[in-house]
Amino acid sequence: MGLSDYIEGYLVEDDTLVAARTLGAELGCVPVSRATGAALRFLAAALRAKAVVEVGTGVGVSGLHLLRGMAPDGVLTSIDVEPEVQAVAKRTFRQAGVAPGKTRLIMGRALDVLPRLSDGGYDLLFVDAASTEYPAFHEHGVRLLRPGGVLAFDSVLYQGNIANPARRDVETLALREVVRAVREDDRLVPLLLPLGEGLLLAAKIA
């Protein structure tokens, strides 16, 4: 067993999450890695998060991890453009015993939805969506988060392509841009972790 396999298997997921993962793979909607899910739950718990925004509901794997770390009275707002997978997410939450009032699922393009959310009203923003839109989510995150809140981007290492200067496709260029922008933003304290396909975190300090 390699080190990455050991890290991914450190925390075991329950039957609800395993079933959701399987269905996600069948639908072509690959969920976050197990280690990334564990990190999201940890972050939500450390922040005692009451208000979380998720861009990319998928089949509900990342959302369920977030919900299990959030405060008992917390609410997860999750945005997705795919009605089929978001319907699966609703079922995942229901099977896990999540009360309906703890989730607010919004169907639509996140860049159209986020401007309608309150400035400084959120503890955590997690993004797992089209990488070409990641740079735009950076500024939205800074606006939406309270001081001390955390911005998280999944899959930023893009199978190692981000570190390969020969790769110049639009996805890689967008990921390089957001990694650089977060690193150079004086309002944020950044951290890049080799979990899953890469998890970029940034805490808002101003």
N, C-alpha and C. Protein backbone atom coordinates (compact mmCIF):
# COMPACT_ATOMS: atom_id res chain seq x y z
N MET A 1 0.85 -1.20 0.00
CA MET A 1 0.00 0.00 0.00
C MET A 1 0.88 1.24 0.00
N GLY A 2 0.63 2.15 -0.94
CA GLY A 2 1.37 3.40 -1.00
C GLY A 2 0.87 4.40 0.02
N LEU A 3 1.65 5.47 0.20
CA LEU A 3 1.30 6.49 1.19
C LEU A 3 -0.04 7.15 0.86
N SER A 4 -0.27 7.47 -0.41
CA SER A 4 -1.53 8.11 -0.79
C SER A 4 -2.72 7.20 -0.51
N ASP A 5 -2.56 5.90 -0.76
CA ASP A 5 -3.63 4.95 -0.47
C ASP A 5 -3.90 4.87 1.03
N TYR A 6 -2.84 4.92 1.81
CA TYR A 6 -2.99 4.88 3.27
C TYR A 6 -3.76 6.11 3.75
N ILE A 7 -3.41 7.28 3.21
CA ILE A 7 -4.08 8.52 3.60
C ILE A 7 -5.55 8.48 3.19
N GLU A 8 -5.83 8.03 1.96
CA GLU A 8 -7.20 7.97 1.48
C GLU A 8 -8.04 6.99 2.31
N GLY A 9 -7.42 5.93 2.82
CA GLY A 9 -8.16 4.93 3.57
C GLY A 9 -8.13 5.12 5.06
N TYR A 10 -7.55 6.22 5.52
CA TYR A 10 -7.41 6.45 6.96
C TYR A 10 -8.75 6.50 7.68
N LEU A 11 -9.71 7.17 7.08
CA LEU A 11 -11.06 7.23 7.65
C LEU A 11 -12.02 6.50 6.72
N VAL A 12 -12.79 5.59 7.28
CA VAL A 12 -13.71 4.77 6.50
C VAL A 12 -15.06 5.48 6.36
N GLU A 13 -15.60 5.49 5.15
CA GLU A 13 -16.90 6.10 4.93
C GLU A 13 -18.01 5.08 5.18
N ASP A 14 -19.20 5.57 5.55
CA ASP A 14 -20.31 4.67 5.84
C ASP A 14 -21.00 4.24 4.54
N ASP A 15 -22.02 3.39 4.70
CA ASP A 15 -22.70 2.81 3.53
C ASP A 15 -23.35 3.86 2.65
N THR A 16 -23.89 4.93 3.24
CA THR A 16 -24.55 5.97 2.46
C THR A 16 -23.56 6.65 1.52
N LEU A 17 -22.38 6.98 2.04
CA LEU A 17 -21.37 7.62 1.22
C LEU A 17 -20.82 6.67 0.15
N VAL A 18 -20.61 5.43 0.52
CA VAL A 18 -20.11 4.44 -0.44
C VAL A 18 -21.11 4.28 -1.59
N ALA A 19 -22.40 4.18 -1.26
CA ALA A 19 -23.42 4.03 -2.31
C ALA A 19 -23.47 5.26 -3.20
N ALA A 20 -23.35 6.45 -2.61
CA ALA A 20 -23.37 7.68 -3.40
C ALA A 20 -22.16 7.74 -4.32
N ARG A 21 -21.01 7.33 -3.83
CA ARG A 21 -19.80 7.30 -4.67
C ARG A 21 -20.00 6.40 -5.89
N THR A 22 -20.55 5.23 -5.64
CA THR A 22 -20.77 4.27 -6.73
C THR A 22 -21.71 4.86 -7.78
N LEU A 23 -22.78 5.47 -7.32
CA LEU A 23 -23.75 6.06 -8.25
C LEU A 23 -23.14 7.25 -8.98
N GLY A 24 -22.34 8.03 -8.28
CA GLY A 24 -21.68 9.15 -8.93
C GLY A 24 -20.78 8.71 -10.06
N ALA A 25 -20.02 7.64 -9.83
CA ALA A 25 -19.15 7.10 -10.88
C ALA A 25 -19.97 6.63 -12.08
N GLU A 26 -21.12 6.00 -11.81
CA GLU A 26 -21.98 5.52 -12.89
C GLU A 26 -22.55 6.68 -13.71
N LEU A 27 -22.80 7.81 -13.06
CA LEU A 27 -23.35 8.97 -13.74
C LEU A 27 -22.28 9.86 -14.36
N GLY A 28 -21.02 9.49 -14.19
CA GLY A 28 -19.93 10.31 -14.71
C GLY A 28 -19.69 11.55 -13.90
N CYS A 29 -20.09 11.53 -12.65
CA CYS A 29 -19.93 12.68 -11.75
C CYS A 29 -19.05 12.21 -10.58
N VAL A 30 -17.76 12.27 -10.77
CA VAL A 30 -16.83 11.71 -9.79
C VAL A 30 -16.78 12.59 -8.54
N PRO A 31 -17.08 12.02 -7.37
CA PRO A 31 -17.07 12.82 -6.14
C PRO A 31 -15.65 13.14 -5.67
N VAL A 32 -15.55 13.98 -4.66
CA VAL A 32 -14.26 14.26 -4.04
C VAL A 32 -13.67 12.97 -3.48
N SER A 33 -12.37 12.94 -3.31
CA SER A 33 -11.73 11.77 -2.72
C SER A 33 -12.14 11.62 -1.26
N ARG A 34 -11.90 10.44 -0.71
CA ARG A 34 -12.24 10.22 0.70
C ARG A 34 -11.46 11.16 1.61
N ALA A 35 -10.17 11.36 1.32
CA ALA A 35 -9.36 12.25 2.14
C ALA A 35 -9.83 13.70 2.03
N THR A 36 -10.23 14.09 0.84
CA THR A 36 -10.76 15.45 0.66
C THR A 36 -12.06 15.61 1.44
N GLY A 37 -12.92 14.60 1.37
CA GLY A 37 -14.15 14.65 2.15
C GLY A 37 -13.88 14.78 3.63
N ALA A 38 -12.90 14.02 4.13
CA ALA A 38 -12.54 14.11 5.54
C ALA A 38 -12.02 15.50 5.89
N ALA A 39 -11.25 16.10 4.97
CA ALA A 39 -10.73 17.45 5.20
C ALA A 39 -11.87 18.47 5.27
N LEU A 40 -12.88 18.30 4.42
CA LEU A 40 -14.02 19.22 4.44
C LEU A 40 -14.78 19.11 5.76
N ARG A 41 -14.98 17.90 6.21
CA ARG A 41 -15.66 17.71 7.50
C ARG A 41 -14.85 18.34 8.63
N PHE A 42 -13.53 18.14 8.59
CA PHE A 42 -12.65 18.73 9.60
C PHE A 42 -12.75 20.25 9.59
N LEU A 43 -12.68 20.84 8.40
CA LEU A 43 -12.75 22.30 8.29
C LEU A 43 -14.07 22.84 8.84
N ALA A 44 -15.17 22.20 8.45
CA ALA A 44 -16.48 22.66 8.92
C ALA A 44 -16.57 22.56 10.44
N ALA A 45 -16.00 21.50 11.02
CA ALA A 45 -16.03 21.34 12.47
C ALA A 45 -15.12 22.36 13.15
N ALA A 46 -13.93 22.58 12.60
CA ALA A 46 -12.99 23.53 13.20
C ALA A 46 -13.54 24.95 13.17
N LEU A 47 -14.27 25.27 12.12
CA LEU A 47 -14.86 26.60 11.99
C LEU A 47 -16.18 26.73 12.75
N ARG A 48 -16.70 25.59 13.25
CA ARG A 48 -18.04 25.55 13.83
C ARG A 48 -19.03 26.20 12.86
N ALA A 49 -18.89 25.80 11.62
CA ALA A 49 -19.59 26.46 10.51
C ALA A 49 -21.10 26.35 10.63
N LYS A 50 -21.75 27.47 10.47
CA LYS A 50 -23.21 27.52 10.45
C LYS A 50 -23.75 27.83 9.05
N ALA A 51 -22.93 28.47 8.24
CA ALA A 51 -23.35 28.85 6.88
C ALA A 51 -22.26 28.48 5.90
N VAL A 52 -22.54 27.51 5.05
CA VAL A 52 -21.55 27.01 4.08
C VAL A 52 -22.17 27.05 2.69
N VAL A 53 -21.35 27.46 1.71
CA VAL A 53 -21.75 27.43 0.31
C VAL A 53 -20.91 26.40 -0.42
N GLU A 54 -21.57 25.56 -1.20
CA GLU A 54 -20.89 24.56 -2.01
C GLU A 54 -21.23 24.80 -3.48
N VAL A 55 -20.20 24.94 -4.30
CA VAL A 55 -20.39 25.07 -5.74
C VAL A 55 -20.10 23.72 -6.37
N GLY A 56 -21.14 23.04 -6.83
CA GLY A 56 -21.00 21.70 -7.37
C GLY A 56 -21.54 20.68 -6.39
N THR A 57 -22.86 20.52 -6.38
CA THR A 57 -23.50 19.58 -5.45
C THR A 57 -23.10 18.15 -5.74
N GLY A 58 -23.02 17.82 -7.05
CA GLY A 58 -22.76 16.44 -7.42
C GLY A 58 -23.81 15.52 -6.83
N VAL A 59 -23.40 14.33 -6.41
CA VAL A 59 -24.34 13.37 -5.84
C VAL A 59 -24.43 13.47 -4.33
N GLY A 60 -23.80 14.49 -3.76
CA GLY A 60 -23.97 14.76 -2.33
C GLY A 60 -22.87 14.27 -1.43
N VAL A 61 -21.80 13.71 -1.98
CA VAL A 61 -20.71 13.19 -1.14
C VAL A 61 -20.02 14.31 -0.37
N SER A 62 -19.57 15.34 -1.06
CA SER A 62 -18.89 16.44 -0.37
C SER A 62 -19.86 17.17 0.55
N GLY A 63 -21.11 17.34 0.11
CA GLY A 63 -22.09 18.02 0.94
C GLY A 63 -22.35 17.29 2.24
N LEU A 64 -22.41 15.96 2.18
CA LEU A 64 -22.65 15.19 3.39
C LEU A 64 -21.47 15.28 4.35
N HIS A 65 -20.26 15.27 3.81
CA HIS A 65 -19.09 15.47 4.67
C HIS A 65 -19.16 16.84 5.35
N LEU A 66 -19.50 17.87 4.59
CA LEU A 66 -19.60 19.21 5.16
C LEU A 66 -20.67 19.26 6.25
N LEU A 67 -21.83 18.71 5.97
CA LEU A 67 -22.94 18.72 6.92
C LEU A 67 -22.58 18.02 8.22
N ARG A 68 -21.81 16.95 8.13
CA ARG A 68 -21.45 16.19 9.33
C ARG A 68 -20.43 16.92 10.20
N GLY A 69 -19.78 17.93 9.62
CA GLY A 69 -18.86 18.73 10.42
C GLY A 69 -19.46 20.03 10.91
N MET A 70 -20.56 20.46 10.30
CA MET A 70 -21.14 21.76 10.62
C MET A 70 -21.86 21.76 11.97
N ALA A 71 -22.11 22.96 12.47
CA ALA A 71 -22.86 23.11 13.71
C ALA A 71 -24.27 22.54 13.54
N PRO A 72 -24.88 22.08 14.64
CA PRO A 72 -26.22 21.47 14.54
C PRO A 72 -27.26 22.36 13.87
N ASP A 73 -27.13 23.67 14.03
CA ASP A 73 -28.09 24.59 13.42
C ASP A 73 -27.58 25.16 12.10
N GLY A 74 -26.55 24.55 11.52
CA GLY A 74 -25.97 25.05 10.29
C GLY A 74 -26.82 24.71 9.08
N VAL A 75 -26.63 25.49 8.02
CA VAL A 75 -27.34 25.29 6.75
C VAL A 75 -26.33 25.27 5.60
N LEU A 76 -26.42 24.25 4.77
CA LEU A 76 -25.58 24.14 3.58
C LEU A 76 -26.34 24.62 2.36
N THR A 77 -25.79 25.63 1.68
CA THR A 77 -26.33 26.08 0.40
C THR A 77 -25.49 25.47 -0.70
N SER A 78 -26.10 24.65 -1.54
CA SER A 78 -25.35 23.94 -2.57
C SER A 78 -25.93 24.22 -3.95
N ILE A 79 -25.04 24.52 -4.89
CA ILE A 79 -25.45 24.99 -6.22
C ILE A 79 -24.94 24.01 -7.29
N ASP A 80 -25.80 23.66 -8.24
CA ASP A 80 -25.39 22.78 -9.33
C ASP A 80 -26.25 23.07 -10.55
N VAL A 81 -25.69 22.80 -11.72
CA VAL A 81 -26.43 23.01 -12.97
C VAL A 81 -27.09 21.73 -13.49
N GLU A 82 -26.80 20.60 -12.86
CA GLU A 82 -27.30 19.32 -13.33
C GLU A 82 -28.44 18.81 -12.45
N PRO A 83 -29.68 18.84 -12.94
CA PRO A 83 -30.80 18.40 -12.11
C PRO A 83 -30.74 16.93 -11.74
N GLU A 84 -30.20 16.10 -12.62
CA GLU A 84 -30.17 14.66 -12.34
C GLU A 84 -29.29 14.34 -11.14
N VAL A 85 -28.10 14.92 -11.11
CA VAL A 85 -27.21 14.60 -10.00
C VAL A 85 -27.67 15.28 -8.71
N GLN A 86 -28.26 16.46 -8.83
CA GLN A 86 -28.74 17.10 -7.61
C GLN A 86 -29.92 16.34 -7.00
N ALA A 87 -30.71 15.69 -7.84
CA ALA A 87 -31.78 14.82 -7.33
C ALA A 87 -31.19 13.65 -6.56
N VAL A 88 -30.07 13.12 -7.04
CA VAL A 88 -29.39 12.05 -6.31
C VAL A 88 -28.87 12.57 -4.98
N ALA A 89 -28.35 13.79 -4.97
CA ALA A 89 -27.85 14.38 -3.73
C ALA A 89 -28.97 14.51 -2.70
N LYS A 90 -30.15 14.92 -3.14
CA LYS A 90 -31.28 15.01 -2.21
C LYS A 90 -31.56 13.65 -1.58
N ARG A 91 -31.49 12.62 -2.38
CA ARG A 91 -31.73 11.27 -1.87
C ARG A 91 -30.61 10.86 -0.90
N THR A 92 -29.38 11.22 -1.23
CA THR A 92 -28.25 10.92 -0.35
C THR A 92 -28.44 11.57 1.01
N PHE A 93 -28.82 12.83 1.02
CA PHE A 93 -29.03 13.54 2.28
C PHE A 93 -30.17 12.92 3.07
N ARG A 94 -31.23 12.57 2.38
CA ARG A 94 -32.38 11.98 3.05
C ARG A 94 -32.01 10.63 3.68
N GLN A 95 -31.28 9.81 2.93
CA GLN A 95 -30.88 8.50 3.45
C GLN A 95 -29.93 8.62 4.63
N ALA A 96 -29.19 9.71 4.68
CA ALA A 96 -28.27 9.93 5.80
C ALA A 96 -28.96 10.55 7.01
N GLY A 97 -30.25 10.83 6.88
CA GLY A 97 -31.00 11.39 8.00
C GLY A 97 -30.85 12.89 8.18
N VAL A 98 -30.41 13.59 7.12
CA VAL A 98 -30.27 15.05 7.19
C VAL A 98 -31.64 15.70 7.11
N ALA A 99 -31.95 16.55 8.07
CA ALA A 99 -33.23 17.25 8.07
C ALA A 99 -33.32 18.18 6.86
N PRO A 100 -34.50 18.26 6.22
CA PRO A 100 -34.65 19.10 5.02
C PRO A 100 -34.23 20.55 5.23
N GLY A 101 -34.44 21.08 6.42
CA GLY A 101 -34.11 22.48 6.67
C GLY A 101 -32.62 22.77 6.75
N LYS A 102 -31.78 21.73 6.75
CA LYS A 102 -30.34 21.93 6.84
C LYS A 102 -29.69 22.11 5.48
N THR A 103 -30.44 21.93 4.41
CA THR A 103 -29.88 22.09 3.07
C THR A 103 -30.74 23.04 2.24
N ARG A 104 -30.08 23.83 1.42
CA ARG A 104 -30.75 24.69 0.45
C ARG A 104 -30.10 24.41 -0.90
N LEU A 105 -30.76 23.60 -1.71
CA LEU A 105 -30.21 23.21 -3.01
C LEU A 105 -30.75 24.14 -4.09
N ILE A 106 -29.82 24.75 -4.81
CA ILE A 106 -30.18 25.72 -5.83
C ILE A 106 -29.72 25.21 -7.19
N MET A 107 -30.65 25.15 -8.13
CA MET A 107 -30.33 24.73 -9.49
C MET A 107 -29.99 25.96 -10.31
N GLY A 108 -28.79 25.97 -10.89
CA GLY A 108 -28.41 27.11 -11.71
C GLY A 108 -26.91 27.23 -11.81
N ARG A 109 -26.47 28.20 -12.58
CA ARG A 109 -25.03 28.46 -12.77
C ARG A 109 -24.53 29.27 -11.57
N ALA A 110 -23.49 28.77 -10.93
CA ALA A 110 -23.02 29.39 -9.69
C ALA A 110 -22.64 30.85 -9.86
N LEU A 111 -22.06 31.20 -10.99
CA LEU A 111 -21.66 32.59 -11.20
C LEU A 111 -22.85 33.53 -11.33
N ASP A 112 -24.04 32.96 -11.56
CA ASP A 112 -25.27 33.76 -11.54
C ASP A 112 -25.89 33.79 -10.15
N VAL A 113 -25.67 32.73 -9.37
CA VAL A 113 -26.29 32.61 -8.05
C VAL A 113 -25.49 33.35 -6.97
N LEU A 114 -24.16 33.22 -7.00
CA LEU A 114 -23.33 33.77 -5.93
C LEU A 114 -23.50 35.28 -5.73
N PRO A 115 -23.68 36.08 -6.79
CA PRO A 115 -23.87 37.52 -6.55
C PRO A 115 -25.10 37.85 -5.72
N ARG A 116 -26.04 36.91 -5.60
CA ARG A 116 -27.26 37.17 -4.83
C ARG A 116 -27.09 36.79 -3.35
N LEU A 117 -25.96 36.21 -2.98
CA LEU A 117 -25.73 35.81 -1.60
C LEU A 117 -25.08 36.95 -0.82
N SER A 118 -25.27 36.93 0.49
CA SER A 118 -24.89 38.06 1.35
C SER A 118 -23.38 38.18 1.54
N ASP A 119 -22.87 39.40 1.45
CA ASP A 119 -21.47 39.67 1.72
C ASP A 119 -21.13 39.30 3.17
N GLY A 120 -20.00 38.63 3.35
CA GLY A 120 -19.52 38.33 4.69
C GLY A 120 -20.42 37.42 5.51
N GLY A 121 -21.31 36.69 4.84
CA GLY A 121 -22.30 35.91 5.57
C GLY A 121 -22.00 34.43 5.71
N TYR A 122 -20.79 34.00 5.27
CA TYR A 122 -20.54 32.56 5.21
C TYR A 122 -19.20 32.20 5.86
N ASP A 123 -19.19 31.00 6.43
CA ASP A 123 -18.00 30.49 7.10
C ASP A 123 -17.06 29.74 6.15
N LEU A 124 -17.62 29.16 5.10
CA LEU A 124 -16.83 28.30 4.22
C LEU A 124 -17.46 28.29 2.84
N LEU A 125 -16.62 28.40 1.83
CA LEU A 125 -17.05 28.24 0.44
C LEU A 125 -16.20 27.13 -0.17
N PHE A 126 -16.85 26.07 -0.64
CA PHE A 126 -16.16 24.95 -1.27
C PHE A 126 -16.54 24.91 -2.74
N VAL A 127 -15.52 24.82 -3.61
CA VAL A 127 -15.73 24.84 -5.05
C VAL A 127 -15.22 23.54 -5.67
N ASP A 128 -16.13 22.84 -6.34
CA ASP A 128 -15.78 21.63 -7.10
C ASP A 128 -16.61 21.68 -8.38
N ALA A 129 -16.13 22.48 -9.33
CA ALA A 129 -16.92 22.76 -10.54
C ALA A 129 -15.97 22.90 -11.72
N ALA A 130 -16.43 23.56 -12.79
CA ALA A 130 -15.61 23.73 -13.99
C ALA A 130 -14.37 24.55 -13.65
N SER A 131 -13.21 23.97 -13.90
CA SER A 131 -11.96 24.63 -13.51
C SER A 131 -11.75 25.96 -14.22
N THR A 132 -12.32 26.12 -15.41
CA THR A 132 -12.16 27.37 -16.14
C THR A 132 -12.81 28.55 -15.42
N GLU A 133 -13.74 28.26 -14.50
CA GLU A 133 -14.42 29.32 -13.76
C GLU A 133 -13.80 29.57 -12.38
N TYR A 134 -12.79 28.79 -12.01
CA TYR A 134 -12.18 28.94 -10.69
C TYR A 134 -11.69 30.36 -10.39
N PRO A 135 -11.01 31.04 -11.31
CA PRO A 135 -10.54 32.40 -10.98
C PRO A 135 -11.67 33.34 -10.56
N ALA A 136 -12.84 33.21 -11.17
CA ALA A 136 -13.96 34.07 -10.79
C ALA A 136 -14.46 33.73 -9.38
N PHE A 137 -14.40 32.46 -8.99
CA PHE A 137 -14.85 32.07 -7.66
C PHE A 137 -13.94 32.61 -6.56
N HIS A 138 -12.71 32.91 -6.90
CA HIS A 138 -11.78 33.49 -5.92
C HIS A 138 -12.34 34.80 -5.36
N GLU A 139 -12.71 35.71 -6.24
CA GLU A 139 -13.23 37.02 -5.78
C GLU A 139 -14.57 36.87 -5.10
N HIS A 140 -15.42 35.99 -5.59
CA HIS A 140 -16.70 35.76 -4.92
C HIS A 140 -16.46 35.24 -3.51
N GLY A 141 -15.49 34.35 -3.36
CA GLY A 141 -15.21 33.79 -2.05
C GLY A 141 -14.77 34.84 -1.05
N VAL A 142 -13.88 35.71 -1.46
CA VAL A 142 -13.41 36.77 -0.56
C VAL A 142 -14.58 37.66 -0.13
N ARG A 143 -15.48 37.93 -1.03
CA ARG A 143 -16.64 38.77 -0.71
C ARG A 143 -17.61 38.07 0.22
N LEU A 144 -17.86 36.80 -0.01
CA LEU A 144 -18.89 36.08 0.74
C LEU A 144 -18.44 35.68 2.14
N LEU A 145 -17.14 35.47 2.34
CA LEU A 145 -16.68 34.94 3.62
C LEU A 145 -16.55 35.99 4.70
N ARG A 146 -16.86 35.58 5.91
CA ARG A 146 -16.57 36.41 7.08
C ARG A 146 -15.07 36.35 7.35
N PRO A 147 -14.51 37.31 8.12
CA PRO A 147 -13.11 37.17 8.54
C PRO A 147 -12.92 35.86 9.31
N GLY A 148 -11.91 35.10 8.94
CA GLY A 148 -11.70 33.79 9.53
C GLY A 148 -12.32 32.67 8.74
N GLY A 149 -13.15 33.01 7.76
CA GLY A 149 -13.77 32.00 6.90
C GLY A 149 -12.75 31.40 5.95
N VAL A 150 -13.11 30.27 5.37
CA VAL A 150 -12.17 29.52 4.52
C VAL A 150 -12.74 29.30 3.13
N LEU A 151 -11.89 29.51 2.14
CA LEU A 151 -12.19 29.25 0.74
C LEU A 151 -11.46 27.97 0.34
N ALA A 152 -12.15 27.03 -0.30
CA ALA A 152 -11.55 25.74 -0.66
C ALA A 152 -11.86 25.40 -2.12
N PHE A 153 -10.82 25.04 -2.87
CA PHE A 153 -10.96 24.62 -4.26
C PHE A 153 -10.48 23.19 -4.39
N ASP A 154 -11.29 22.33 -5.01
CA ASP A 154 -10.89 20.94 -5.22
C ASP A 154 -10.24 20.77 -6.59
N SER A 155 -9.41 19.73 -6.70
CA SER A 155 -8.81 19.28 -7.97
C SER A 155 -7.95 20.33 -8.65
N VAL A 156 -7.21 21.12 -7.87
CA VAL A 156 -6.40 22.17 -8.48
C VAL A 156 -5.10 21.66 -9.09
N LEU A 157 -4.65 20.47 -8.71
CA LEU A 157 -3.40 19.96 -9.27
C LEU A 157 -3.61 19.30 -10.63
N TYR A 158 -4.85 18.97 -10.95
CA TYR A 158 -5.24 18.53 -12.28
C TYR A 158 -4.33 17.42 -12.81
N GLN A 159 -4.25 16.32 -12.04
CA GLN A 159 -3.44 15.16 -12.42
C GLN A 159 -1.97 15.53 -12.63
N GLY A 160 -1.50 16.53 -11.89
CA GLY A 160 -0.11 16.96 -11.99
C GLY A 160 0.17 17.91 -13.13
N ASN A 161 -0.84 18.19 -13.95
CA ASN A 161 -0.61 19.04 -15.13
C ASN A 161 -0.24 20.47 -14.76
N ILE A 162 -0.72 20.93 -13.62
CA ILE A 162 -0.47 22.32 -13.25
C ILE A 162 1.02 22.60 -13.07
N ALA A 163 1.78 21.56 -12.70
CA ALA A 163 3.21 21.73 -12.49
C ALA A 163 4.04 21.49 -13.74
N ASN A 164 3.37 21.16 -14.84
CA ASN A 164 4.06 20.89 -16.10
C ASN A 164 3.99 22.12 -16.99
N PRO A 165 5.10 22.86 -17.15
CA PRO A 165 5.06 24.10 -17.94
C PRO A 165 4.67 23.90 -19.40
N ALA A 166 4.77 22.66 -19.88
CA ALA A 166 4.40 22.39 -21.27
C ALA A 166 2.89 22.37 -21.47
N ARG A 167 2.14 22.20 -20.39
CA ARG A 167 0.68 22.16 -20.50
C ARG A 167 0.14 23.58 -20.55
N ARG A 168 -0.58 23.90 -21.66
CA ARG A 168 -1.10 25.25 -21.86
C ARG A 168 -2.58 25.23 -22.21
N ASP A 169 -3.30 24.13 -21.90
CA ASP A 169 -4.73 24.06 -22.19
C ASP A 169 -5.48 25.01 -21.25
N VAL A 170 -6.72 25.32 -21.59
CA VAL A 170 -7.46 26.35 -20.85
C VAL A 170 -7.71 25.94 -19.40
N GLU A 171 -7.92 24.65 -19.15
CA GLU A 171 -8.16 24.20 -17.78
C GLU A 171 -6.92 24.42 -16.92
N THR A 172 -5.76 24.01 -17.44
CA THR A 172 -4.53 24.17 -16.68
C THR A 172 -4.21 25.63 -16.44
N LEU A 173 -4.39 26.47 -17.45
CA LEU A 173 -4.11 27.90 -17.31
C LEU A 173 -5.01 28.54 -16.26
N ALA A 174 -6.28 28.13 -16.23
CA ALA A 174 -7.20 28.68 -15.23
C ALA A 174 -6.80 28.27 -13.82
N LEU A 175 -6.39 27.02 -13.67
CA LEU A 175 -5.97 26.55 -12.36
C LEU A 175 -4.69 27.25 -11.90
N ARG A 176 -3.76 27.44 -12.81
CA ARG A 176 -2.54 28.19 -12.46
C ARG A 176 -2.89 29.60 -12.02
N GLU A 177 -3.86 30.18 -12.72
CA GLU A 177 -4.26 31.55 -12.38
C GLU A 177 -4.84 31.64 -10.99
N VAL A 178 -5.74 30.71 -10.62
CA VAL A 178 -6.36 30.80 -9.30
C VAL A 178 -5.36 30.47 -8.20
N VAL A 179 -4.47 29.52 -8.44
CA VAL A 179 -3.44 29.21 -7.44
C VAL A 179 -2.54 30.42 -7.20
N ARG A 180 -2.16 31.10 -8.28
CA ARG A 180 -1.33 32.29 -8.14
C ARG A 180 -2.09 33.41 -7.47
N ALA A 181 -3.33 33.64 -7.88
CA ALA A 181 -4.12 34.75 -7.33
C ALA A 181 -4.36 34.57 -5.84
N VAL A 182 -4.68 33.36 -5.42
CA VAL A 182 -4.90 33.10 -3.99
C VAL A 182 -3.61 33.29 -3.20
N ARG A 183 -2.51 32.82 -3.76
CA ARG A 183 -1.22 32.96 -3.08
C ARG A 183 -0.82 34.42 -2.90
N GLU A 184 -1.15 35.25 -3.87
CA GLU A 184 -0.72 36.65 -3.85
C GLU A 184 -1.73 37.59 -3.23
N ASP A 185 -2.87 37.07 -2.79
CA ASP A 185 -3.93 37.91 -2.21
C ASP A 185 -3.62 38.18 -0.74
N ASP A 186 -3.36 39.44 -0.40
CA ASP A 186 -3.00 39.81 0.97
C ASP A 186 -4.15 39.61 1.95
N ARG A 187 -5.35 39.41 1.45
CA ARG A 187 -6.50 39.19 2.33
C ARG A 187 -6.62 37.73 2.76
N LEU A 188 -5.76 36.87 2.21
CA LEU A 188 -5.90 35.43 2.43
C LEU A 188 -4.60 34.82 2.94
N VAL A 189 -4.74 33.74 3.72
CA VAL A 189 -3.61 32.90 4.10
C VAL A 189 -3.79 31.57 3.37
N PRO A 190 -2.95 31.26 2.37
CA PRO A 190 -3.19 30.10 1.51
C PRO A 190 -2.47 28.83 1.99
N LEU A 191 -2.99 27.70 1.53
CA LEU A 191 -2.38 26.40 1.79
C LEU A 191 -2.78 25.46 0.67
N LEU A 192 -1.80 24.76 0.08
CA LEU A 192 -2.06 23.80 -0.99
C LEU A 192 -1.72 22.40 -0.48
N LEU A 193 -2.72 21.52 -0.47
CA LEU A 193 -2.56 20.18 0.08
C LEU A 193 -2.66 19.13 -1.02
N PRO A 194 -1.82 18.09 -0.98
CA PRO A 194 -1.87 17.02 -1.98
C PRO A 194 -2.89 15.94 -1.64
N LEU A 195 -4.12 16.35 -1.39
CA LEU A 195 -5.21 15.41 -1.12
C LEU A 195 -6.04 15.24 -2.38
N GLY A 196 -6.39 14.01 -2.72
CA GLY A 196 -7.14 13.79 -3.94
C GLY A 196 -6.37 14.33 -5.13
N GLU A 197 -7.02 15.19 -5.91
CA GLU A 197 -6.36 15.84 -7.04
C GLU A 197 -5.85 17.23 -6.68
N GLY A 198 -5.71 17.47 -5.38
CA GLY A 198 -5.18 18.76 -4.92
C GLY A 198 -6.25 19.62 -4.31
N LEU A 199 -6.05 20.05 -3.06
CA LEU A 199 -7.02 20.89 -2.36
C LEU A 199 -6.35 22.21 -2.00
N LEU A 200 -6.83 23.29 -2.58
CA LEU A 200 -6.33 24.63 -2.29
C LEU A 200 -7.21 25.28 -1.25
N LEU A 201 -6.62 25.70 -0.13
CA LEU A 201 -7.36 26.34 0.95
C LEU A 201 -6.83 27.75 1.16
N ALA A 202 -7.70 28.63 1.65
CA ALA A 202 -7.28 30.00 1.98
C ALA A 202 -8.20 30.53 3.07
N ALA A 203 -7.60 31.01 4.14
CA ALA A 203 -8.36 31.62 5.24
C ALA A 203 -8.38 33.13 5.03
N LYS A 204 -9.55 33.72 5.18
CA LYS A 204 -9.70 35.16 5.00
C LYS A 204 -9.31 35.87 6.30
N ILE A 205 -8.38 36.81 6.19
CA ILE A 205 -7.93 37.54 7.38
C ILE A 205 -8.39 38.99 7.38
N ALA A 206 -8.94 39.46 6.26
CA ALA A 206 -9.39 40.85 6.20
C ALA A 206 -10.58 40.96 5.26
